[in-house]
């Protein structure tokens, strides 16, 4: 995990489609695009590309970083970095 402009302080900073990584204890736990957010509660839902499932992220329990949004290459169906 790195410190810098990508650090998210609250779920109010995120919108649907933003790509994020959630860290706990210095290790990556979840990664994926934001599906929904509840800013008043500090919660957000992501589609976790590590597990393939939807995950609820509590901003008080994880360090969240905004990352460059991935793209899906037609016919492959997995996330690839933007060129």
C-alpha atoms as a PDB file:
ATOM      1  CA  UNK A   1       0.000   0.000   0.000  1.00  0.00           C
ATOM      2  CA  UNK A   2       1.219   3.479  -0.784  1.00  0.00           C
ATOM      3  CA  UNK A   3       0.247   6.834   0.636  1.00  0.00           C
ATOM      4  CA  UNK A   4      -0.692   9.642  -1.697  1.00  0.00           C
ATOM      5  CA  UNK A   5      -3.520  11.111  -3.707  1.00  0.00           C
ATOM      6  CA  UNK A   6      -5.268   7.742  -4.065  1.00  0.00           C
ATOM      7  CA  UNK A   7      -6.120   7.452  -0.358  1.00  0.00           C
ATOM      8  CA  UNK A   8      -9.900   7.637   0.181  1.00  0.00           C
ATOM      9  CA  UNK A   9     -10.993   9.304   3.417  1.00  0.00           C
ATOM     10  CA  UNK A  10     -14.725   8.592   3.141  1.00  0.00           C
ATOM     11  CA  UNK A  11     -17.203   6.804   0.914  1.00  0.00           C
ATOM     12  CA  UNK A  12     -18.636  10.210  -0.088  1.00  0.00           C
ATOM     13  CA  UNK A  13     -15.544  10.583  -2.339  1.00  0.00           C
ATOM     14  CA  UNK A  14     -16.511   7.557  -4.451  1.00  0.00           C
ATOM     15  CA  UNK A  15     -19.068   6.982  -7.186  1.00  0.00           C
ATOM     16  CA  UNK A  16     -20.285   3.859  -8.893  1.00  0.00           C
ATOM     17  CA  UNK A  17     -17.582   2.519 -11.211  1.00  0.00           C
ATOM     18  CA  UNK A  18     -14.580   3.890  -9.282  1.00  0.00           C
ATOM     19  CA  UNK A  19     -11.952   1.184  -8.860  1.00  0.00           C
ATOM     20  CA  UNK A  20     -10.643   0.688  -5.315  1.00  0.00           C
ATOM     21  CA  UNK A  21      -8.413  -1.550  -3.239  1.00  0.00           C
ATOM     22  CA  UNK A  22      -9.127  -2.251   0.437  1.00  0.00           C
ATOM     23  CA  UNK A  23      -6.240  -3.049   2.771  1.00  0.00           C
ATOM     24  CA  UNK A  24      -6.212  -4.435   6.297  1.00  0.00           C
ATOM     25  CA  UNK A  25      -3.078  -4.902   8.348  1.00  0.00           C
ATOM     26  CA  UNK A  26      -1.015  -3.687   5.377  1.00  0.00           C
ATOM     27  CA  UNK A  27      -2.265  -6.487   3.105  1.00  0.00           C
ATOM     28  CA  UNK A  28      -4.623  -6.329   0.135  1.00  0.00           C
ATOM     29  CA  UNK A  29      -7.984  -7.856   1.058  1.00  0.00           C
ATOM     30  CA  UNK A  30     -10.421  -6.645  -1.642  1.00  0.00           C
ATOM     31  CA  UNK A  31     -10.143  -5.014  -5.085  1.00  0.00           C
ATOM     32  CA  UNK A  32     -12.799  -3.972  -7.565  1.00  0.00           C
ATOM     33  CA  UNK A  33     -15.215  -1.382  -8.874  1.00  0.00           C
ATOM     34  CA  UNK A  34     -17.630   0.417  -6.566  1.00  0.00           C
ATOM     35  CA  UNK A  35     -21.207  -0.767  -7.092  1.00  0.00           C
ATOM     36  CA  UNK A  36     -22.925   1.430  -4.498  1.00  0.00           C
ATOM     37  CA  UNK A  37     -22.066   3.639  -1.522  1.00  0.00           C
ATOM     38  CA  UNK A  38     -23.825   4.797   1.633  1.00  0.00           C
ATOM     39  CA  UNK A  39     -21.815   7.927   2.486  1.00  0.00           C
ATOM     40  CA  UNK A  40     -23.655   8.707   5.746  1.00  0.00           C
ATOM     41  CA  UNK A  41     -22.624   5.304   7.135  1.00  0.00           C
ATOM     42  CA  UNK A  42     -19.123   5.097   5.620  1.00  0.00           C
ATOM     43  CA  UNK A  43     -20.040   1.958   3.683  1.00  0.00           C
ATOM     44  CA  UNK A  44     -19.554   0.908   0.090  1.00  0.00           C
ATOM     45  CA  UNK A  45     -20.278  -2.165  -1.988  1.00  0.00           C
ATOM     46  CA  UNK A  46     -17.721  -3.385  -4.514  1.00  0.00           C
ATOM     47  CA  UNK A  47     -17.623  -6.249  -6.988  1.00  0.00           C
ATOM     48  CA  UNK A  48     -14.483  -7.949  -5.681  1.00  0.00           C
ATOM     49  CA  UNK A  49     -12.320  -9.108  -8.587  1.00  0.00           C
ATOM     50  CA  UNK A  50     -10.241 -11.251  -6.202  1.00  0.00           C
ATOM     51  CA  UNK A  51     -13.189 -13.410  -5.114  1.00  0.00           C
ATOM     52  CA  UNK A  52     -15.785 -12.696  -7.801  1.00  0.00           C
ATOM     53  CA  UNK A  53     -18.374 -11.731  -5.205  1.00  0.00           C
ATOM     54  CA  UNK A  54     -19.947  -8.543  -3.938  1.00  0.00           C
ATOM     55  CA  UNK A  55     -18.284  -7.227  -0.776  1.00  0.00           C
ATOM     56  CA  UNK A  56     -19.407  -4.667   1.766  1.00  0.00           C
ATOM     57  CA  UNK A  57     -16.521  -2.388   2.754  1.00  0.00           C
ATOM     58  CA  UNK A  58     -16.716  -0.492   6.036  1.00  0.00           C
ATOM     59  CA  UNK A  59     -14.418   2.523   5.714  1.00  0.00           C
ATOM     60  CA  UNK A  60     -13.675   2.371   9.462  1.00  0.00           C
ATOM     61  CA  UNK A  61     -12.219  -1.152   9.096  1.00  0.00           C
ATOM     62  CA  UNK A  62     -10.141  -0.810   5.917  1.00  0.00           C
ATOM     63  CA  UNK A  63      -7.631   1.541   4.326  1.00  0.00           C
ATOM     64  CA  UNK A  64      -9.140   2.246   0.911  1.00  0.00           C
ATOM     65  CA  UNK A  65      -7.206   3.448  -2.134  1.00  0.00           C
ATOM     66  CA  UNK A  66      -8.625   4.647  -5.442  1.00  0.00           C
ATOM     67  CA  UNK A  67      -6.822   2.934  -8.324  1.00  0.00           C
ATOM     68  CA  UNK A  68      -6.960   3.447 -12.102  1.00  0.00           C
ATOM     69  CA  UNK A  69     -10.205   1.958 -13.414  1.00  0.00           C
ATOM     70  CA  UNK A  70      -9.714  -1.339 -15.225  1.00  0.00           C
ATOM     71  CA  UNK A  71     -11.180  -2.132 -18.614  1.00  0.00           C
ATOM     72  CA  UNK A  72     -12.654  -5.362 -19.905  1.00  0.00           C
ATOM     73  CA  UNK A  73     -11.332  -6.618 -23.227  1.00  0.00           C
ATOM     74  CA  UNK A  74     -14.211  -7.972 -25.366  1.00  0.00           C
ATOM     75  CA  UNK A  75     -14.277 -11.763 -25.496  1.00  0.00           C
ATOM     76  CA  UNK A  76     -11.907 -12.200 -22.547  1.00  0.00           C
ATOM     77  CA  UNK A  77     -14.149 -10.995 -19.723  1.00  0.00           C
ATOM     78  CA  UNK A  78     -11.455 -10.157 -17.206  1.00  0.00           C
ATOM     79  CA  UNK A  79     -10.049  -6.870 -16.036  1.00  0.00           C
ATOM     80  CA  UNK A  80      -7.051  -5.495 -17.876  1.00  0.00           C
ATOM     81  CA  UNK A  81      -5.189  -2.249 -17.179  1.00  0.00           C
ATOM     82  CA  UNK A  82      -6.136   0.710 -19.366  1.00  0.00           C
ATOM     83  CA  UNK A  83      -3.583   1.299 -22.144  1.00  0.00           C
END
